[in-house]
Protein backbone atom coordinates (compact mmCIF):
# COMPACT_ATOMS: atom_id res chain seq x y z
CA MET A 1 -46.96 -33.42 17.84
CA GLN A 2 -43.19 -33.41 17.37
CA THR A 3 -41.82 -29.91 16.83
CA VAL A 4 -38.43 -28.89 15.46
CA LEU A 5 -36.99 -25.47 16.28
CA VAL A 6 -34.98 -23.85 13.51
CA LEU A 7 -32.88 -20.88 14.53
CA GLY A 8 -33.03 -18.94 11.31
CA GLY A 9 -32.47 -15.76 9.38
CA THR A 10 -30.54 -17.38 6.52
CA ALA A 11 -31.48 -18.78 3.13
CA GLU A 12 -30.56 -22.25 4.40
CA ALA A 13 -32.92 -21.88 7.36
CA ARG A 14 -35.79 -20.91 5.08
CA ALA A 15 -35.07 -23.81 2.73
CA LEU A 16 -34.91 -26.21 5.68
CA ALA A 17 -38.21 -24.98 7.11
CA ALA A 18 -39.87 -25.41 3.72
CA GLU A 19 -38.47 -28.92 3.24
CA LEU A 20 -39.44 -30.14 6.72
CA THR A 21 -42.91 -28.61 6.45
CA GLU A 22 -43.44 -30.33 3.11
CA ARG A 23 -42.58 -33.63 4.82
CA GLY A 24 -45.28 -32.99 7.41
CA ILE A 25 -42.91 -32.03 10.23
CA HIS A 26 -44.01 -29.15 12.45
CA VAL A 27 -41.39 -26.39 12.44
CA VAL A 28 -41.04 -23.25 14.49
CA SER A 29 -38.56 -20.81 12.98
CA SER A 30 -36.99 -18.30 15.36
CA LEU A 31 -35.68 -14.97 14.05
CA ALA A 32 -33.58 -12.52 16.04
CA GLY A 33 -35.64 -9.53 14.88
CA ARG A 34 -32.65 -7.35 13.98
CA VAL A 35 -33.80 -6.78 10.39
CA ALA A 36 -36.80 -4.53 9.87
CA ASN A 37 -38.38 -6.54 7.04
CA PRO A 38 -36.91 -10.04 7.11
CA ARG A 39 -37.61 -12.72 4.53
CA LEU A 40 -39.97 -15.02 6.37
CA PRO A 41 -39.91 -18.81 6.15
CA VAL A 42 -42.98 -20.96 5.71
CA GLY A 43 -44.68 -22.23 8.82
CA GLU A 44 -44.77 -20.89 12.35
CA VAL A 45 -42.41 -18.01 13.15
CA ARG A 46 -41.34 -16.39 16.41
CA VAL A 47 -39.32 -13.18 16.55
CA GLY A 48 -36.99 -11.95 19.28
CA GLY A 49 -34.59 -13.33 21.86
CA PHE A 50 -35.29 -15.93 24.52
CA GLY A 51 -34.07 -13.91 27.52
CA GLY A 52 -31.02 -15.95 28.43
CA VAL A 53 -29.98 -19.59 28.51
CA GLY A 54 -32.31 -20.62 31.34
CA LYS A 55 -35.40 -19.14 29.72
CA PHE A 56 -34.33 -20.54 26.36
CA ALA A 57 -34.13 -24.05 27.86
CA LYS A 58 -37.52 -23.60 29.51
CA TRP A 59 -39.03 -22.45 26.21
CA ILE A 60 -37.70 -25.58 24.52
CA VAL A 61 -39.26 -27.81 27.19
CA ASP A 62 -42.55 -25.89 27.40
CA ASN A 63 -43.02 -26.02 23.64
CA ARG A 64 -42.14 -29.71 23.41
CA ILE A 65 -39.24 -29.16 21.04
CA VAL A 66 -37.66 -32.50 20.14
CA ALA A 67 -34.72 -31.20 18.07
CA VAL A 68 -33.04 -27.86 17.39
CA VAL A 69 -31.22 -26.84 14.21
CA ASP A 70 -29.03 -23.76 14.49
CA ALA A 71 -29.09 -22.38 10.94
CA THR A 72 -28.18 -18.83 11.88
CA HIS A 73 -25.54 -16.71 10.15
CA PRO A 74 -21.95 -17.93 10.57
CA PHE A 75 -21.24 -14.84 12.68
CA ALA A 76 -24.29 -15.08 14.95
CA GLN A 77 -22.06 -16.30 17.76
CA ARG A 78 -24.19 -15.28 20.74
CA ILE A 79 -27.28 -17.26 19.79
CA GLY A 80 -25.06 -20.15 18.75
CA LEU A 81 -23.47 -20.41 22.19
CA SER A 82 -26.86 -19.97 23.87
CA ALA A 83 -28.25 -22.81 21.76
CA ILE A 84 -25.44 -25.12 22.86
CA ARG A 85 -26.08 -24.44 26.53
CA ALA A 86 -29.88 -24.35 26.36
CA THR A 87 -30.25 -27.61 24.44
CA ALA A 88 -27.84 -29.31 26.86
CA GLU A 89 -29.92 -28.06 29.80
CA ALA A 90 -33.17 -29.14 28.15
CA GLY A 91 -31.77 -32.51 27.05
CA VAL A 92 -32.57 -31.91 23.37
CA PRO A 93 -30.25 -32.71 20.43
CA LEU A 94 -28.68 -29.82 18.51
CA LEU A 95 -27.41 -29.64 14.94
CA ARG A 96 -25.49 -26.80 13.34
CA LEU A 97 -26.36 -26.10 9.68
CA GLN A 98 -23.62 -23.87 8.30
CA ARG A 99 -22.72 -23.23 4.68
CA PRO A 100 -19.05 -23.70 3.74
CA GLY A 101 -16.79 -20.67 3.97
CA TRP A 102 -15.18 -18.95 1.03
CA GLN A 103 -11.80 -19.96 -0.36
CA ALA A 104 -9.40 -17.62 -2.17
CA GLY A 105 -8.68 -18.54 -5.77
CA PRO A 106 -6.12 -17.58 -8.40
CA GLY A 107 -5.82 -13.81 -8.70
CA ASP A 108 -7.35 -13.08 -5.28
CA ASP A 109 -5.49 -10.77 -2.90
CA TRP A 110 -7.06 -11.75 0.41
CA HIS A 111 -5.93 -10.69 3.87
CA TRP A 112 -7.40 -12.81 6.69
CA VAL A 113 -8.07 -11.27 10.12
CA ASP A 114 -9.74 -12.52 13.29
CA SER A 115 -12.03 -9.55 14.02
CA LEU A 116 -13.41 -6.29 12.67
CA ASP A 117 -11.10 -4.42 15.03
CA GLU A 118 -8.17 -6.14 13.35
CA ALA A 119 -9.68 -5.32 9.97
CA ALA A 120 -9.81 -1.63 10.95
CA THR A 121 -6.07 -1.76 11.57
CA LYS A 122 -5.31 -3.77 8.43
CA ILE A 123 -7.00 -1.37 6.02
CA THR A 124 -4.56 1.40 6.95
CA GLN A 125 -1.87 -0.64 5.17
CA LEU A 126 -3.92 -1.28 2.04
CA GLY A 127 -5.82 1.79 0.88
CA GLU A 128 -7.88 4.89 1.52
CA ARG A 129 -11.30 4.21 -0.03
CA ILE A 130 -12.92 1.27 1.70
CA PHE A 131 -16.05 -0.70 0.83
CA LEU A 132 -17.52 -2.17 4.02
CA THR A 133 -19.86 -5.14 3.55
CA SER A 134 -19.55 -6.52 7.06
CA GLY A 135 -22.99 -5.50 8.37
CA ARG A 136 -24.32 -2.41 10.09
CA GLN A 137 -23.59 -3.66 13.61
CA GLY A 138 -19.87 -3.85 12.85
CA LEU A 139 -19.41 -0.30 11.62
CA ALA A 140 -18.45 0.94 15.08
CA ALA A 141 -15.13 -0.90 14.74
CA PHE A 142 -14.16 1.63 12.06
CA ALA A 143 -15.36 4.75 13.88
CA GLY A 144 -11.82 5.72 14.81
CA CYS A 145 -10.55 5.56 11.21
CA THR A 146 -10.31 9.25 10.34
CA GLU A 147 -8.01 9.04 7.32
CA GLN A 148 -10.09 6.64 5.22
CA TRP A 149 -13.30 7.21 3.28
CA PHE A 150 -15.94 4.48 3.60
CA LEU A 151 -18.78 3.15 1.54
CA ALA A 152 -20.97 0.89 3.70
CA ARG A 153 -23.74 -1.32 2.41
CA CYS A 154 -26.42 -2.41 4.90
CA VAL A 155 -29.93 -3.81 4.85
CA ASP A 156 -31.16 -1.31 7.48
CA PRO A 157 -29.82 2.13 8.45
CA PRO A 158 -26.86 1.92 10.88
CA GLU A 159 -26.65 3.73 14.19
CA PRO A 160 -23.65 5.66 15.61
CA PRO A 161 -20.80 5.45 16.22
CA LEU A 162 -19.75 5.56 12.58
CA PRO A 163 -16.60 6.60 10.73
CA PRO A 164 -16.56 10.38 10.18
CA ARG A 165 -16.25 10.02 6.39
CA ILE A 166 -18.86 7.52 5.30
CA GLU A 167 -21.57 7.03 2.70
CA VAL A 168 -24.23 4.39 3.39
CA ILE A 169 -26.28 2.58 0.77
CA LEU A 170 -29.25 0.41 1.78
CA ASP A 171 -29.58 -2.76 -0.24
CA ARG A 172 -29.81 -6.52 0.11
CA GLY A 173 -28.50 -9.31 -2.11
CA PRO A 174 -28.22 -11.25 -4.23
CA TYR A 175 -25.85 -9.13 -6.30
CA ASP A 176 -24.27 -9.64 -9.72
CA VAL A 177 -20.69 -9.10 -10.82
CA GLU A 178 -21.54 -6.33 -13.27
CA GLY A 179 -23.32 -4.30 -10.61
CA GLU A 180 -20.56 -4.85 -8.05
CA ALA A 181 -17.86 -3.87 -10.53
CA LYS A 182 -19.77 -0.68 -11.34
CA LEU A 183 -20.05 0.14 -7.64
CA LEU A 184 -16.32 -0.36 -7.08
CA ARG A 185 -15.47 1.72 -10.12
CA GLU A 186 -17.82 4.63 -9.49
CA HIS A 187 -16.74 5.00 -5.86
CA ARG A 188 -13.05 4.43 -6.66
CA ILE A 189 -12.85 1.67 -4.05
CA ASP A 190 -9.36 0.32 -3.37
CA VAL A 191 -10.09 -2.06 -0.45
CA LEU A 192 -13.01 -4.40 0.23
CA VAL A 193 -13.86 -5.57 3.77
CA THR A 194 -16.13 -8.57 4.31
CA LYS A 195 -16.88 -11.38 6.71
CA ASP A 196 -16.46 -14.98 5.60
CA SER A 197 -20.21 -15.45 5.23
CA GLY A 198 -19.95 -18.14 2.56
CA GLY A 199 -22.70 -18.96 0.10
CA THR A 200 -23.40 -17.50 -3.32
CA MET A 201 -25.66 -14.55 -2.52
CA THR A 202 -22.81 -12.03 -2.09
CA THR A 203 -19.86 -13.66 -3.89
CA ALA A 204 -20.16 -11.24 -6.82
CA LYS A 205 -18.22 -8.60 -4.86
CA LEU A 206 -15.31 -11.01 -4.48
CA VAL A 207 -15.24 -11.70 -8.22
CA ALA A 208 -15.43 -7.98 -9.00
CA ALA A 209 -12.59 -7.24 -6.56
CA ARG A 210 -10.45 -9.96 -8.16
CA GLU A 211 -11.08 -8.60 -11.64
CA ARG A 212 -10.11 -5.08 -10.55
CA GLY A 213 -7.09 -6.18 -8.51
CA ILE A 214 -8.56 -4.89 -5.25
CA PRO A 215 -7.33 -6.38 -1.97
CA VAL A 216 -9.97 -7.99 0.24
CA VAL A 217 -9.85 -8.07 4.04
CA VAL A 218 -11.74 -11.17 5.19
CA VAL A 219 -12.82 -11.72 8.80
CA ARG A 220 -12.61 -15.36 9.89
CA ARG A 221 -15.63 -17.10 11.34
CA PRO A 222 -15.86 -17.66 15.09
CA GLU A 223 -15.58 -21.30 16.08
CA ARG A 224 -18.44 -23.26 17.63
CA PRO A 225 -16.72 -26.23 19.22
CA GLY A 226 -18.41 -29.49 20.06
CA VAL A 227 -21.46 -29.12 17.81
CA ARG A 228 -22.32 -31.63 15.11
CA THR A 229 -22.37 -29.70 11.84
CA VAL A 230 -23.66 -30.25 8.31
CA GLU A 231 -23.04 -27.99 5.34
CA ASP A 232 -26.31 -28.26 3.42
CA VAL A 233 -30.06 -28.60 3.78
CA PRO A 234 -30.26 -32.28 2.69
CA GLY A 235 -27.82 -33.13 5.48
CA ALA A 236 -29.97 -31.30 8.00
CA VAL A 237 -33.16 -32.98 6.72
CA ALA A 238 -31.52 -36.38 7.07
CA TRP A 239 -30.47 -35.60 10.64
CA VAL A 240 -33.94 -34.38 11.65
CA SER A 241 -35.56 -37.41 10.02
CA ALA A 242 -33.24 -39.70 11.98
CA MET A 243 -34.03 -37.86 15.23
CA LEU A 244 -37.76 -38.19 14.65
CA GLY A 245 -37.65 -41.69 13.21
CA ALA A 246 -39.34 -40.35 10.10
């Protein structure tokens, strides 16, 4: 039996697993396990890390994986680099499935930065009431910001260190523009911070910020050099089919 490993946790990964399974291809989806109640894909699922590149490569060989698709979040850099090295060691082809990034449009006031640490510096020039939508694991970058007030939205409760003046709301997308505009208005937000996640699930906040004239600090994606990449599920299905001769 030919098995494809999908490194998941995204909507694209779930859609890919469903499409491949429907075509009769055996899929194992791997989730990092950082979210308490993740949305699970169809088919076989494993949760947790691999224990390093060497053990990852051995797992690929032991489980007779014939192709790997890295469909993790654009900012899941660690597993992405591990996948590059492990598939090379195991002699298995690797594809990166990554949705396109966001592009600023007319009326947007976007400020691009290379890291959350840089974002923490940038916000001091832009405002005092900050809406953080960059994930709970990145909140530590703002722990030293004592002059700003923060609203942070996370799927699971964050752990310290945190900014001293912060309110946390637990929620997961998709969101709509009306709800995002209400959130910005009620909390008197004057700066939005986000990562360039891409996709449509959380774009409503960008539209709401544009409509209210709120500047947005956007963290650029880390690069993953040397990996063949497609931007959508049909492209990934075509690649897997070619690899398997299906």
